[in-house]
Amino acid sequence: MHRPTKSLLICLFLTLCNGLSVGCRWMDDHKFIQHSETLMNVLNIMGGEFTTDSVDVPFPEDLYEQAEYLPTDDTIWFILQTLDKIAELFDGELNSVWDEKKVEIFLNVLTSQSDGLQSCVRAQKKNSKNLQMYFKRLNNHVLKRMAYSAHAWELVRKEVRTHLRRLVLLGSATENRI
């Protein structure tokens, strides 16, 4: 009978451990929740009271509902895509609508959150075209149409708050699955 060598057994063990280790330190260490809370706090103090007006772009609730039932890796990818799209929005023409330092802090925490989540995704996934279209409409139908006015940015800030709240719920559910 052929006996496996010690190095073969070690390789097999490490391969199995790597395959079973689907955890994500960013989520395991609750850094996602901590950064999300910071994002919400900074977003809250960036402007004044949130406007009661709403945008004419429907919130993509269906995408969030679908993301709840995706495999963990795909859910994290959805969260990551959404954060990246939010960052792209804030790369636009802010024209000193808010305090620059607060915006910089917001973008730095957003980038840190994205970087942390990126370490959780094993392979790049296909981007959601519906999510991309939503953010494109938000940019075109709110920011551009309203000439990047302070009111337009306040509408976007309110919409981003809704996204961050939904991402916290989605991230919390994902943490429980890891």
Protein backbone atom coordinates (compact mmCIF):
# COMPACT_ATOMS: atom_id res chain seq x y z
CA MET A 1 0.00 0.00 0.00
CA HIS A 2 1.26 3.44 -0.95
CA ARG A 3 1.62 5.81 1.99
CA PRO A 4 1.25 9.58 1.47
CA THR A 5 4.31 11.61 2.34
CA LYS A 6 4.28 14.14 5.12
CA SER A 7 4.64 17.07 2.70
CA LEU A 8 1.70 15.79 0.64
CA LEU A 9 -0.46 15.64 3.76
CA ILE A 10 0.57 19.17 4.74
CA CYS A 11 -0.27 20.45 1.25
CA LEU A 12 -3.63 18.70 1.37
CA PHE A 13 -4.37 20.15 4.81
CA LEU A 14 -3.45 23.70 3.74
CA THR A 15 -5.55 23.40 0.59
CA LEU A 16 -8.55 22.24 2.58
CA CYS A 17 -8.09 25.02 5.15
CA ASN A 18 -7.82 27.60 2.39
CA GLY A 19 -10.97 26.28 0.76
CA LEU A 20 -12.90 26.35 4.02
CA SER A 21 -11.60 29.75 4.99
CA VAL A 22 -14.23 31.85 3.26
CA GLY A 23 -14.27 34.32 6.11
CA CYS A 24 -13.57 37.95 5.65
CA ARG A 25 -11.56 39.71 8.33
CA TRP A 26 -13.12 43.07 7.43
CA MET A 27 -16.54 41.67 8.23
CA ASP A 28 -15.39 39.32 11.03
CA ASP A 29 -13.72 42.17 12.91
CA HIS A 30 -16.86 44.32 12.50
CA LYS A 31 -14.87 46.97 10.65
CA PHE A 32 -17.64 47.17 8.06
CA ILE A 33 -20.17 48.22 10.71
CA GLN A 34 -17.71 50.63 12.37
CA HIS A 35 -16.87 52.33 9.07
CA SER A 36 -20.54 52.42 8.09
CA GLU A 37 -21.39 54.21 11.34
CA THR A 38 -18.60 56.71 10.69
CA LEU A 39 -19.86 57.27 7.15
CA MET A 40 -23.38 57.93 8.44
CA ASN A 41 -22.12 60.32 11.12
CA VAL A 42 -20.00 62.32 8.67
CA LEU A 43 -22.81 62.39 6.11
CA ASN A 44 -25.18 63.67 8.80
CA ILE A 45 -22.91 66.58 9.74
CA MET A 46 -21.82 67.45 6.19
CA GLY A 47 -24.99 69.43 5.53
CA GLY A 48 -27.84 70.81 7.53
CA GLU A 49 -31.15 69.09 8.09
CA PHE A 50 -31.96 66.54 5.42
CA THR A 51 -34.39 67.83 2.83
CA THR A 52 -37.92 66.47 2.74
CA ASP A 53 -37.88 66.69 -1.06
CA SER A 54 -37.31 63.52 -3.02
CA VAL A 55 -35.59 62.67 -6.27
CA ASP A 56 -37.42 61.57 -9.40
CA VAL A 57 -35.18 58.51 -9.68
CA PRO A 58 -36.71 55.43 -8.03
CA PHE A 59 -34.52 53.86 -5.34
CA PRO A 60 -33.25 50.42 -6.47
CA GLU A 61 -34.93 48.50 -3.64
CA ASP A 62 -35.25 45.43 -5.86
CA LEU A 63 -31.47 45.24 -6.25
CA TYR A 64 -31.02 45.24 -2.48
CA GLU A 65 -33.67 42.55 -2.07
CA GLN A 66 -31.92 40.41 -4.69
CA ALA A 67 -28.54 40.99 -3.03
CA GLU A 68 -29.86 39.53 0.23
CA TYR A 69 -30.17 36.12 -1.42
CA LEU A 70 -26.89 36.10 -3.33
CA PRO A 71 -23.92 34.01 -2.21
CA THR A 72 -21.85 35.89 0.38
CA ASP A 73 -19.08 36.75 -2.07
CA ASP A 74 -21.60 38.25 -4.52
CA THR A 75 -23.35 40.22 -1.77
CA ILE A 76 -20.03 41.75 -0.73
CA TRP A 77 -19.36 42.55 -4.39
CA PHE A 78 -22.74 44.35 -4.58
CA ILE A 79 -21.90 46.38 -1.45
CA LEU A 80 -18.50 47.22 -2.91
CA GLN A 81 -20.01 48.33 -6.23
CA THR A 82 -22.50 50.56 -4.44
CA LEU A 83 -19.80 52.22 -2.35
CA ASP A 84 -17.70 52.80 -5.47
CA LYS A 85 -20.67 54.39 -7.26
CA ILE A 86 -21.27 56.67 -4.27
CA ALA A 87 -17.60 57.70 -4.39
CA GLU A 88 -17.93 58.45 -8.12
CA LEU A 89 -20.91 60.73 -7.41
CA PHE A 90 -18.90 62.70 -4.88
CA ASP A 91 -16.06 63.06 -7.36
CA GLY A 92 -18.35 65.45 -9.23
CA GLU A 93 -18.60 69.20 -9.13
CA LEU A 94 -19.21 69.92 -5.46
CA ASN A 95 -18.46 73.65 -5.80
CA SER A 96 -17.97 74.07 -2.04
CA VAL A 97 -21.48 72.91 -1.19
CA TRP A 98 -20.17 71.43 2.05
CA ASP A 99 -17.08 71.86 4.18
CA GLU A 100 -14.20 70.40 2.16
CA LYS A 101 -12.65 68.69 5.19
CA LYS A 102 -15.89 66.85 5.96
CA VAL A 103 -16.19 65.73 2.34
CA GLU A 104 -12.56 64.60 2.40
CA ILE A 105 -13.15 62.61 5.60
CA PHE A 106 -16.26 61.05 4.06
CA LEU A 107 -14.37 60.04 0.91
CA ASN A 108 -11.41 58.71 2.91
CA VAL A 109 -13.66 56.51 5.06
CA LEU A 110 -15.53 55.41 1.93
CA THR A 111 -12.23 54.46 0.27
CA SER A 112 -11.08 52.62 3.39
CA GLN A 113 -14.38 50.72 3.48
CA SER A 114 -14.03 49.78 -0.20
CA ASP A 115 -10.43 48.67 0.27
CA GLY A 116 -11.39 46.52 3.24
CA LEU A 117 -14.23 44.88 1.35
CA GLN A 118 -12.05 44.36 -1.72
CA SER A 119 -9.90 42.05 0.40
CA CYS A 120 -13.01 39.92 0.98
CA VAL A 121 -13.80 39.33 -2.68
CA ARG A 122 -11.91 36.39 -4.11
CA ALA A 123 -12.53 37.20 -7.77
CA GLN A 124 -13.82 40.22 -9.60
CA LYS A 125 -17.46 39.82 -10.51
CA LYS A 126 -19.61 41.27 -13.22
CA ASN A 127 -20.89 44.76 -12.39
CA SER A 128 -24.61 45.23 -12.02
CA LYS A 129 -25.83 47.19 -15.04
CA ASN A 130 -29.01 48.14 -13.19
CA LEU A 131 -27.00 49.62 -10.34
CA GLN A 132 -24.81 51.52 -12.81
CA MET A 133 -27.91 52.84 -14.60
CA TYR A 134 -29.45 53.97 -11.32
CA PHE A 135 -26.40 56.03 -10.37
CA LYS A 136 -26.12 57.40 -13.90
CA ARG A 137 -29.76 58.54 -13.71
CA LEU A 138 -29.14 60.04 -10.28
CA ASN A 139 -26.22 62.00 -11.72
CA ASN A 140 -28.04 63.06 -14.91
CA HIS A 141 -31.57 63.65 -13.58
CA VAL A 142 -30.61 65.33 -10.33
CA LEU A 143 -27.10 66.76 -10.34
CA LYS A 144 -26.71 67.75 -14.00
CA ARG A 145 -30.33 68.79 -14.51
CA MET A 146 -30.15 71.00 -11.42
CA ALA A 147 -26.73 72.38 -12.45
CA TYR A 148 -24.95 70.83 -9.45
CA SER A 149 -26.76 73.25 -7.14
CA ALA A 150 -26.63 72.99 -3.37
CA HIS A 151 -30.21 71.68 -3.39
CA ALA A 152 -29.26 68.96 -5.92
CA TRP A 153 -26.39 67.85 -3.70
CA GLU A 154 -28.67 67.79 -0.66
CA LEU A 155 -31.04 65.51 -2.57
CA VAL A 156 -28.11 63.25 -3.41
CA ARG A 157 -26.90 63.32 0.20
CA LYS A 158 -30.35 62.17 1.33
CA GLU A 159 -30.31 59.39 -1.28
CA VAL A 160 -26.82 58.30 -0.20
CA ARG A 161 -28.04 58.12 3.40
CA THR A 162 -30.72 55.66 2.26
CA HIS A 163 -28.06 53.58 0.50
CA LEU A 164 -25.80 53.55 3.54
CA ARG A 165 -28.68 52.42 5.75
CA ARG A 166 -29.53 49.59 3.35
CA LEU A 167 -25.86 48.62 3.05
CA VAL A 168 -25.60 48.36 6.84
CA LEU A 169 -28.57 45.98 6.90
CA LEU A 170 -27.13 43.98 4.02
CA GLY A 171 -23.66 43.94 5.56
CA SER A 172 -25.00 42.87 8.96
CA ALA A 173 -26.88 39.98 7.39
CA THR A 174 -23.73 39.05 5.47
CA GLU A 175 -21.61 39.16 8.64
CA ASN A 176 -23.97 36.62 10.18
CA ARG A 177 -23.46 34.25 7.22
CA ILE A 178 -19.66 34.36 7.36
